[in-house]
N, C-alpha and C. Protein backbone atom coordinates (compact mmCIF):
# COMPACT_ATOMS: atom_id res chain seq x y z
N MET A 1 -12.92 18.60 -3.89
CA MET A 1 -11.74 18.81 -4.86
C MET A 1 -10.92 18.19 -3.68
N SER A 2 -9.67 17.00 -4.24
CA SER A 2 -9.49 16.22 -3.52
C SER A 2 -8.05 17.00 -2.66
N MET A 3 -7.42 16.27 -1.41
CA MET A 3 -6.26 17.33 -0.84
C MET A 3 -5.08 16.92 -2.03
N LEU A 4 -5.38 16.03 -2.95
CA LEU A 4 -4.10 15.88 -3.84
C LEU A 4 -4.45 17.22 -4.94
N GLU A 5 -5.59 17.19 -5.48
CA GLU A 5 -5.74 18.41 -6.32
C GLU A 5 -5.18 19.88 -5.83
N ALA A 6 -5.91 20.21 -4.33
CA ALA A 6 -5.51 21.28 -3.52
C ALA A 6 -4.15 21.46 -3.65
N ALA A 7 -3.10 20.56 -3.65
CA ALA A 7 -1.86 20.85 -3.44
C ALA A 7 -1.26 21.00 -4.65
N HIS A 8 -1.96 20.48 -5.56
CA HIS A 8 -1.16 20.81 -6.98
C HIS A 8 -1.23 22.47 -7.36
N GLU A 9 -2.93 22.72 -6.83
CA GLU A 9 -3.47 24.06 -6.86
C GLU A 9 -2.77 25.29 -6.21
N ASN A 10 -2.08 25.01 -5.39
CA ASN A 10 -1.49 25.63 -4.29
C ASN A 10 0.34 25.05 -4.35
N ASP A 11 0.61 24.56 -5.86
CA ASP A 11 2.65 24.17 -5.72
C ASP A 11 2.89 23.82 -4.69
N ARG A 12 2.25 22.83 -4.24
CA ARG A 12 3.36 21.99 -2.97
C ARG A 12 3.53 21.04 -3.73
N GLU A 13 4.53 20.07 -3.11
CA GLU A 13 5.06 18.99 -3.44
C GLU A 13 4.48 17.62 -3.44
N LEU A 14 3.59 17.58 -3.84
CA LEU A 14 3.09 16.19 -3.48
C LEU A 14 3.11 15.47 -4.87
N GLU A 15 3.44 14.54 -5.08
CA GLU A 15 3.81 13.83 -6.47
C GLU A 15 2.15 13.49 -7.27
N GLY A 16 1.70 12.32 -6.44
CA GLY A 16 0.50 11.94 -7.55
C GLY A 16 0.48 11.81 -8.60
N ALA A 17 1.57 10.36 -8.89
CA ALA A 17 1.68 10.08 -10.33
C ALA A 17 0.84 9.53 -11.17
N CYS A 18 -0.18 9.10 -10.52
CA CYS A 18 -1.53 8.03 -11.30
C CYS A 18 -2.54 9.02 -11.51
N GLU A 19 -2.48 10.33 -11.01
CA GLU A 19 -2.91 11.16 -11.50
C GLU A 19 -4.79 11.26 -10.31
N GLY A 20 -4.52 10.75 -9.29
CA GLY A 20 -5.75 9.83 -8.71
C GLY A 20 -6.50 8.93 -8.87
N SER A 21 -5.80 8.47 -9.65
CA SER A 21 -6.68 7.04 -10.42
C SER A 21 -5.98 5.84 -9.40
N LEU A 22 -5.74 5.56 -8.24
CA LEU A 22 -5.29 4.64 -7.03
C LEU A 22 -4.70 3.52 -7.48
N ALA A 23 -3.57 3.91 -8.57
CA ALA A 23 -2.70 2.74 -9.14
C ALA A 23 -1.37 3.28 -8.49
N CYS A 24 -1.09 4.45 -7.52
CA CYS A 24 0.31 4.33 -6.90
C CYS A 24 0.48 4.92 -5.91
N SER A 25 1.60 5.30 -4.98
CA SER A 25 1.11 5.46 -3.38
C SER A 25 2.07 6.88 -3.45
N THR A 26 2.23 7.70 -4.44
CA THR A 26 3.10 8.62 -4.64
C THR A 26 2.28 10.02 -3.78
N CYS A 27 1.10 9.96 -3.58
CA CYS A 27 0.60 10.97 -2.31
C CYS A 27 0.32 10.74 -1.30
N HIS A 28 0.69 9.80 -1.16
CA HIS A 28 0.80 9.21 0.40
C HIS A 28 0.89 10.45 1.29
N VAL A 29 0.18 10.47 2.37
CA VAL A 29 0.20 11.89 3.34
C VAL A 29 0.10 11.14 4.56
N ILE A 30 -0.01 11.81 5.68
CA ILE A 30 0.14 11.16 7.05
C ILE A 30 -0.86 12.70 7.88
N VAL A 31 -1.95 12.02 8.37
CA VAL A 31 -2.87 13.01 8.75
C VAL A 31 -2.34 13.13 10.25
N MET A 32 -1.99 14.60 10.46
CA MET A 32 -0.98 14.71 11.72
C MET A 32 -2.07 14.67 13.20
N ASP A 33 -3.29 14.74 12.83
CA ASP A 33 -4.20 14.75 14.06
C ASP A 33 -5.31 13.48 13.91
N VAL A 34 -5.03 12.69 15.07
CA VAL A 34 -5.92 11.37 15.16
C VAL A 34 -7.29 11.86 15.26
N ASN A 35 -7.84 12.67 15.54
CA ASN A 35 -9.19 13.21 15.55
C ASN A 35 -9.72 13.49 14.69
N PHE A 36 -8.75 14.52 13.51
CA PHE A 36 -9.04 14.56 11.99
C PHE A 36 -9.05 13.09 11.41
N TYR A 37 -8.12 12.39 11.45
CA TYR A 37 -8.23 10.93 10.68
C TYR A 37 -9.41 10.11 10.85
N ASN A 38 -9.88 10.29 12.46
CA ASN A 38 -11.50 9.63 12.55
C ASN A 38 -12.73 10.00 12.19
N LYS A 39 -12.00 11.07 11.49
CA LYS A 39 -13.20 11.90 10.57
C LYS A 39 -13.46 11.43 9.48
N LEU A 40 -12.43 10.46 8.93
CA LEU A 40 -12.45 10.31 7.36
C LEU A 40 -13.18 8.99 7.30
N GLU A 41 -13.59 8.69 6.28
CA GLU A 41 -14.40 7.48 5.79
C GLU A 41 -13.20 6.65 5.59
N ASP A 42 -13.63 4.92 6.11
CA ASP A 42 -12.14 4.15 6.12
C ASP A 42 -12.18 4.08 4.36
N PRO A 43 -10.61 3.51 4.51
CA PRO A 43 -10.08 3.37 2.95
C PRO A 43 -10.74 2.67 2.30
N VAL A 44 -10.63 2.94 0.92
CA VAL A 44 -11.38 1.41 0.27
C VAL A 44 -10.41 0.49 -0.16
N GLU A 45 -10.62 -0.66 -0.63
CA GLU A 45 -9.81 -1.68 -0.54
C GLU A 45 -8.17 -1.14 -1.72
N GLU A 46 -8.83 -0.66 -2.84
CA GLU A 46 -7.98 -0.33 -3.69
C GLU A 46 -6.66 0.64 -2.80
N GLU A 47 -6.94 1.56 -1.86
CA GLU A 47 -6.39 2.84 -1.38
C GLU A 47 -5.36 1.87 -0.16
N ASN A 48 -6.18 1.03 0.10
CA ASN A 48 -5.33 -0.02 1.29
C ASN A 48 -4.12 -0.49 0.41
N ASP A 49 -4.72 -1.25 -0.37
CA ASP A 49 -3.58 -2.04 -1.25
C ASP A 49 -2.43 -1.27 -1.08
N MET A 50 -2.46 -0.03 -2.08
CA MET A 50 -1.54 1.12 -2.55
C MET A 50 -0.81 1.45 -1.52
N LEU A 51 -1.55 1.51 0.04
CA LEU A 51 -0.76 2.36 0.72
C LEU A 51 0.31 1.46 1.47
N HIS A 52 -0.05 0.13 1.46
CA HIS A 52 0.80 -0.76 1.59
C HIS A 52 2.10 -0.83 1.13
N LEU A 53 2.42 -0.42 -0.23
CA LEU A 53 3.67 -0.17 -1.15
C LEU A 53 4.12 1.39 -0.51
N ALA A 54 3.53 1.96 0.47
CA ALA A 54 4.11 3.57 0.50
C ALA A 54 5.31 3.28 1.22
N PHE A 55 6.23 4.24 1.52
CA PHE A 55 7.10 4.56 2.56
C PHE A 55 6.76 5.02 3.30
N GLY A 56 7.52 4.57 4.98
CA GLY A 56 7.01 5.37 5.59
C GLY A 56 5.50 5.20 6.46
N LEU A 57 4.97 4.35 6.12
CA LEU A 57 3.39 4.12 6.47
C LEU A 57 3.09 4.45 8.00
N THR A 58 2.32 5.04 8.48
CA THR A 58 1.91 5.24 9.65
C THR A 58 0.47 4.85 9.78
N PRO A 59 0.33 4.54 11.22
CA PRO A 59 -1.38 4.29 11.09
C PRO A 59 -2.44 5.54 10.89
N THR A 60 -1.87 6.62 10.66
CA THR A 60 -2.85 8.08 10.05
C THR A 60 -2.36 8.14 8.39
N SER A 61 -1.65 7.15 7.92
CA SER A 61 -1.52 7.37 6.66
C SER A 61 -2.79 6.87 5.89
N ARG A 62 -2.78 7.86 4.82
CA ARG A 62 -3.92 8.20 3.63
C ARG A 62 -3.37 8.44 2.40
N LEU A 63 -4.12 8.11 1.08
CA LEU A 63 -3.76 8.80 0.04
C LEU A 63 -4.47 10.23 -0.16
N ALA A 64 -3.54 10.97 -0.55
CA ALA A 64 -4.28 12.75 -0.67
C ALA A 64 -5.14 12.52 -1.73
N CYS A 65 -4.98 11.72 -2.78
CA CYS A 65 -5.86 11.67 -3.54
C CYS A 65 -7.81 11.14 -3.41
N GLN A 66 -7.72 10.51 -2.12
CA GLN A 66 -8.72 10.03 -1.54
C GLN A 66 -9.19 10.78 -0.61
N LEU A 67 -8.85 11.71 -0.18
CA LEU A 67 -8.98 12.71 0.80
C LEU A 67 -9.86 13.63 -0.11
N VAL A 68 -11.30 13.85 0.48
CA VAL A 68 -12.07 15.24 -0.38
C VAL A 68 -12.43 16.18 0.96
N ALA A 69 -11.98 17.15 0.23
CA ALA A 69 -11.74 18.51 1.57
C ALA A 69 -13.78 18.82 1.80
N SER A 70 -13.86 18.58 2.92
CA SER A 70 -15.07 19.08 3.08
C SER A 70 -15.13 20.12 4.38
N PRO A 71 -16.20 20.74 4.67
CA PRO A 71 -16.45 21.43 6.17
C PRO A 71 -15.40 20.97 7.74
N GLU A 72 -15.75 19.54 7.66
CA GLU A 72 -15.41 18.61 8.77
C GLU A 72 -14.32 18.59 8.73
N LEU A 73 -13.23 18.89 7.72
CA LEU A 73 -11.99 18.53 7.69
C LEU A 73 -10.97 19.99 7.58
N ASP A 74 -12.17 21.31 7.97
CA ASP A 74 -11.42 22.61 8.45
C ASP A 74 -10.17 22.10 8.89
N GLY A 75 -9.50 22.73 8.65
CA GLY A 75 -8.14 22.64 9.99
C GLY A 75 -7.42 21.39 9.72
N ILE A 76 -7.72 20.55 8.97
CA ILE A 76 -6.49 19.16 9.15
C ILE A 76 -5.52 19.38 8.40
N ARG A 77 -4.17 19.01 9.19
CA ARG A 77 -2.80 19.30 9.04
C ARG A 77 -2.32 17.71 7.94
N LEU A 78 -1.72 18.00 7.13
CA LEU A 78 -1.21 16.59 6.52
C LEU A 78 0.71 16.96 6.39
N LYS A 79 1.13 15.62 6.87
CA LYS A 79 2.56 15.97 6.71
C LYS A 79 3.05 14.79 5.46
N LEU A 80 3.97 14.96 4.64
CA LEU A 80 4.67 14.82 3.56
C LEU A 80 5.17 13.52 4.34
N PRO A 81 5.27 12.17 3.91
CA PRO A 81 6.68 11.42 4.26
C PRO A 81 8.04 11.67 3.60
N ALA A 82 8.92 11.41 4.47
CA ALA A 82 10.41 11.61 3.98
C ALA A 82 10.81 11.10 2.75
N ALA A 83 10.25 10.18 2.04
CA ALA A 83 10.17 9.97 0.36
C ALA A 83 9.15 9.71 0.01
N THR A 84 9.04 9.49 -1.00
CA THR A 84 7.96 8.12 -2.01
C THR A 84 8.67 6.88 -3.12
N VAL A 85 7.72 5.95 -2.89
CA VAL A 85 8.06 5.12 -3.93
C VAL A 85 7.52 5.38 -5.10
N HIS A 86 8.46 5.70 -6.25
CA HIS A 86 8.34 6.50 -7.76
C HIS A 86 7.54 5.41 -8.43
N PHE A 87 6.12 5.15 -8.83
CA PHE A 87 5.83 4.18 -10.15
C PHE A 87 5.92 5.26 -11.47
N LYS A 88 6.34 4.31 -12.31
CA LYS A 88 6.30 5.15 -13.90
C LYS A 88 4.95 5.13 -14.34
N VAL A 89 4.26 6.13 -14.73
CA VAL A 89 3.00 6.03 -15.13
C VAL A 89 3.05 6.62 -16.62
N ASP A 90 2.65 6.41 -17.44
CA ASP A 90 2.93 6.79 -19.20
C ASP A 90 2.70 8.07 -19.40
N GLY A 91 3.51 8.60 -19.94
CA GLY A 91 3.53 9.88 -20.15
C GLY A 91 3.84 10.82 -19.26
N TYR A 92 3.65 10.46 -17.57
CA TYR A 92 4.32 11.19 -16.65
C TYR A 92 5.66 11.67 -16.50
N VAL A 93 6.06 13.01 -16.20
CA VAL A 93 7.32 12.92 -16.04
C VAL A 93 7.38 13.80 -14.28
N SER A 94 8.29 13.70 -13.84
CA SER A 94 8.20 14.01 -12.67
C SER A 94 8.87 15.03 -12.07
N LYS A 95 8.39 15.67 -10.66
CA LYS A 95 9.04 17.11 -10.68
C LYS A 95 10.02 16.26 -9.77
N SER A 96 11.23 17.10 -9.68
CA SER A 96 12.08 17.20 -8.38
C SER A 96 11.77 17.65 -7.41
N HIS A 97 12.14 16.58 -5.95
CA HIS A 97 11.47 16.98 -4.90
C HIS A 97 12.61 18.12 -3.79
């Protein structure tokens, strides 16, 4: 399960306009602890492309749709940026933040 899916299952305010297809940056999160960030696999090129469009990019920014829960990530803390850059996707109705 991705962190985006987990956020949606737990009614967290994380948009994910493209539903995890790497077509937007609305699920941008900031990994709060660099030790957890260093445990993550490097982002693929498509994720890096979308991250460059994200608001409030930091050295530990990632897309939640690309972070898959695993025992190694137990205890990871993610922070939402102050805003997102919204991309309209066919049929998507955004929720207010």
